Amino acid sequence: MPAFVIVQGKVTDLEQYEQYKVAAPPTVSSAGGNYLVRGGATTSLEGGEVPERTVVLQFDTRDAAIAWYESEQYRAARALRANAAELRMYVVDGA
């Protein structure tokens, strides 16, 4: 069953975040994942304002998504993002 990593939040240091945006994609592809959404324009339909930035990643399984997040390769990319964004990130099982 596919699993999706949902990331929502706001960028607080654009210059630093740009480094993360370069470092993160290779970690996703090497873990078998792919980007479905990567920060496109949003329109709120219900519930108030939407986060400044939304990213959706797809992996083959929940285990693959968690393995990607915990991988040494992605840890290095995450370090670049540490003080550059305020985010919520979670895994959701697909249908």
Foldseek 3Di string as FASTA:
>chain_A
DKKKKKKFWDWDAVVLVVQLVVQPPVLQVVLVKDWPDWFDDDDDPDDDDGGNGMTMMMHRDPVSVVCSCPDPSVVVSVVSCVPTIDMDIDMDDDD
